[in-house]
Protein backbone atom coordinates (compact mmCIF):
# COMPACT_ATOMS: atom_id res chain seq x y z
CA MET A 1 0.00 0.00 0.00
CA PRO A 2 1.37 3.48 -0.80
CA THR A 3 2.52 5.75 1.98
CA VAL A 4 -0.14 7.52 4.01
CA THR A 5 0.70 11.13 4.76
CA GLU A 6 -0.41 13.77 7.20
CA PRO A 7 -1.27 16.85 5.11
CA ARG A 8 -1.46 20.19 6.85
CA SER A 9 -4.83 21.04 8.34
CA ALA A 10 -6.92 23.90 7.00
CA PRO A 11 -7.92 26.64 9.44
CA GLY A 12 -11.06 25.87 11.41
CA MET A 13 -10.97 22.12 10.91
CA SER A 14 -8.71 19.85 12.93
CA THR A 15 -6.67 17.06 11.39
CA ARG A 16 -8.76 14.46 13.20
CA THR A 17 -12.01 16.11 12.09
CA LYS A 18 -10.88 15.75 8.48
CA ALA A 19 -9.82 12.16 9.13
CA ARG A 20 -13.22 11.30 10.60
CA LYS A 21 -14.99 12.82 7.60
CA ARG A 22 -12.76 10.87 5.22
CA ALA A 23 -13.33 7.64 7.18
CA LEU A 24 -17.08 8.25 6.92
CA ASP A 25 -16.70 8.76 3.17
CA VAL A 26 -14.82 5.46 2.82
CA LEU A 27 -17.29 3.45 4.90
CA TYR A 28 -20.26 5.07 3.15
CA GLU A 29 -18.87 4.26 -0.30
CA ALA A 30 -18.06 0.68 0.71
CA ASP A 31 -21.55 0.28 2.18
CA LEU A 32 -23.31 1.57 -0.94
CA ARG A 33 -21.12 -0.39 -3.37
CA GLY A 34 -21.20 -3.60 -1.34
CA GLU A 35 -17.40 -3.61 -1.11
CA GLU A 36 -15.08 -4.23 1.80
CA PRO A 37 -13.97 -0.97 3.42
CA GLN A 38 -10.32 -1.99 2.96
CA VAL A 39 -10.81 -2.13 -0.84
CA VAL A 40 -12.23 1.40 -0.95
CA LEU A 41 -9.56 2.63 1.46
CA ARG A 42 -6.80 1.18 -0.71
CA ARG A 43 -8.18 3.03 -3.76
CA ARG A 44 -8.37 6.26 -1.78
CA VAL A 45 -4.81 5.92 -0.50
CA GLU A 46 -3.52 5.30 -4.02
CA TRP A 47 -5.45 8.06 -5.81
CA ALA A 48 -6.78 10.60 -3.32
CA GLU A 49 -5.89 14.26 -3.35
CA PRO A 50 -5.38 15.48 -0.69
CA PRO A 51 -3.66 12.37 0.65
CA VAL A 52 -5.44 10.10 3.10
CA ARG A 53 -4.56 10.82 6.72
CA ALA A 54 -3.10 8.14 8.97
CA TYR A 55 -5.99 8.55 11.42
CA THR A 56 -8.46 7.83 8.59
CA VAL A 57 -6.70 4.50 8.05
CA THR A 58 -6.85 3.80 11.80
CA LEU A 59 -10.60 4.47 11.87
CA VAL A 60 -11.48 2.43 8.79
CA GLU A 61 -9.26 -0.51 9.68
CA GLY A 62 -10.41 -0.32 13.29
CA TYR A 63 -14.05 -0.48 12.30
CA GLN A 64 -13.37 -3.38 9.97
CA GLN A 65 -11.52 -5.32 12.70
CA HIS A 66 -14.34 -4.74 15.20
CA ALA A 67 -17.32 -4.59 12.82
CA GLU A 68 -19.27 -7.41 14.45
CA GLU A 69 -19.00 -5.89 17.94
CA ILE A 70 -19.74 -2.35 16.73
CA ASP A 71 -22.72 -3.33 14.58
CA HIS A 72 -24.07 -5.47 17.43
CA LEU A 73 -23.94 -2.48 19.80
CA LEU A 74 -25.63 -0.25 17.22
CA ALA A 75 -28.40 -2.79 16.59
CA THR A 76 -28.89 -3.49 20.30
CA TYR A 77 -29.16 0.12 21.48
CA SER A 78 -30.85 1.79 18.52
CA GLU A 79 -34.34 1.03 19.89
CA GLY A 80 -36.52 0.10 16.96
CA TRP A 81 -34.03 0.85 14.19
CA SER A 82 -32.27 -1.97 12.41
CA LEU A 83 -28.93 -1.15 10.82
CA ALA A 84 -30.50 -1.59 7.38
CA ARG A 85 -33.25 0.92 8.21
CA MET A 86 -30.85 3.66 9.32
CA PRO A 87 -29.83 6.25 6.74
CA ALA A 88 -26.48 5.11 5.28
CA VAL A 89 -24.72 8.28 6.44
CA ASP A 90 -25.93 7.78 10.01
CA ARG A 91 -25.03 4.09 10.04
CA ASN A 92 -21.48 4.77 8.91
CA LEU A 93 -20.77 7.84 11.02
CA LEU A 94 -22.02 5.85 14.02
CA ARG A 95 -19.60 3.07 13.11
CA VAL A 96 -16.70 5.51 13.18
CA ALA A 97 -17.86 7.07 16.45
CA VAL A 98 -18.49 3.76 18.22
CA PHE A 99 -15.05 2.52 17.18
CA GLU A 100 -13.57 5.61 18.83
CA LEU A 101 -15.70 5.20 21.96
CA LEU A 102 -14.52 1.61 22.33
CA HIS A 103 -10.91 1.74 21.18
CA ALA A 104 -9.54 5.31 21.00
CA ASP A 105 -8.48 5.86 24.59
CA ASP A 106 -6.76 9.13 23.67
CA VAL A 107 -10.07 10.73 22.56
CA ASP A 108 -12.66 11.96 25.07
CA ASP A 109 -16.20 10.65 24.64
CA ALA A 110 -17.47 14.23 24.45
CA VAL A 111 -15.21 14.94 21.47
CA VAL A 112 -16.35 11.77 19.68
CA MET A 113 -20.01 12.66 20.24
CA SER A 114 -19.58 16.31 19.25
CA GLU A 115 -17.80 15.43 16.01
CA ALA A 116 -20.44 12.81 15.15
CA LEU A 117 -23.19 15.37 15.73
CA GLU A 118 -21.47 17.88 13.46
CA LEU A 119 -21.25 15.28 10.70
CA ALA A 120 -24.89 14.33 11.17
CA GLU A 121 -25.98 17.98 11.07
CA SER A 122 -24.04 18.73 7.91
CA LEU A 123 -24.52 15.48 5.97
CA SER A 124 -27.71 13.73 7.01
CA THR A 125 -31.40 14.27 7.76
CA ASP A 126 -32.93 16.84 10.10
CA GLU A 127 -33.73 14.07 12.60
CA SER A 128 -30.27 12.52 12.48
CA PRO A 129 -28.46 14.66 15.09
CA LYS A 130 -30.98 13.76 17.80
CA PHE A 131 -30.88 10.07 16.84
CA VAL A 132 -27.07 9.99 16.69
CA ASN A 133 -26.71 11.84 20.00
CA GLY A 134 -29.13 9.55 21.83
CA LEU A 135 -27.63 6.35 20.47
CA LEU A 136 -24.04 7.40 21.16
CA ALA A 137 -24.97 8.51 24.69
CA ARG A 138 -26.46 5.05 25.41
CA ILE A 139 -23.45 3.25 23.97
CA ALA A 140 -20.96 5.54 25.77
CA GLU A 141 -22.70 4.72 29.05
CA VAL A 142 -22.43 0.98 28.36
CA VAL A 143 -18.75 1.36 27.45
CA ARG A 144 -18.05 3.33 30.65
CA ASP A 145 -19.85 0.67 32.73
CA ARG A 146 -17.60 -2.03 31.21
CA SER A 147 -14.46 -0.21 32.36
């Protein structure tokens, strides 16, 4: 796989914010095309401009390694919403966020939830931010109780 770089961040948007958005893009594309996220990620790393950030790779590969656990949590705590029924943007931004809640010890839960809400507000339905916030709050509580 070609080298992954860390391009300079634009004002107003952190490097990790951009990486989360790019990870969402990769998972969303893989979901819609019925491809493995790693296949889409590999294409992005080879051809993307600006280059794919290392944290994007961490998020996509992390979700893929823990997909069963993450999707189980989403299905269990989404109260009446199957994964298939969720808007594709919501489903995939939740996958990124839940991976971070479970496995990114260097990121505060509040940051994960705030960034997920911003993505939901800018990319999904009017109802999505409330849904995403509620579901992530339930899952964050479960994760904290496990610790």
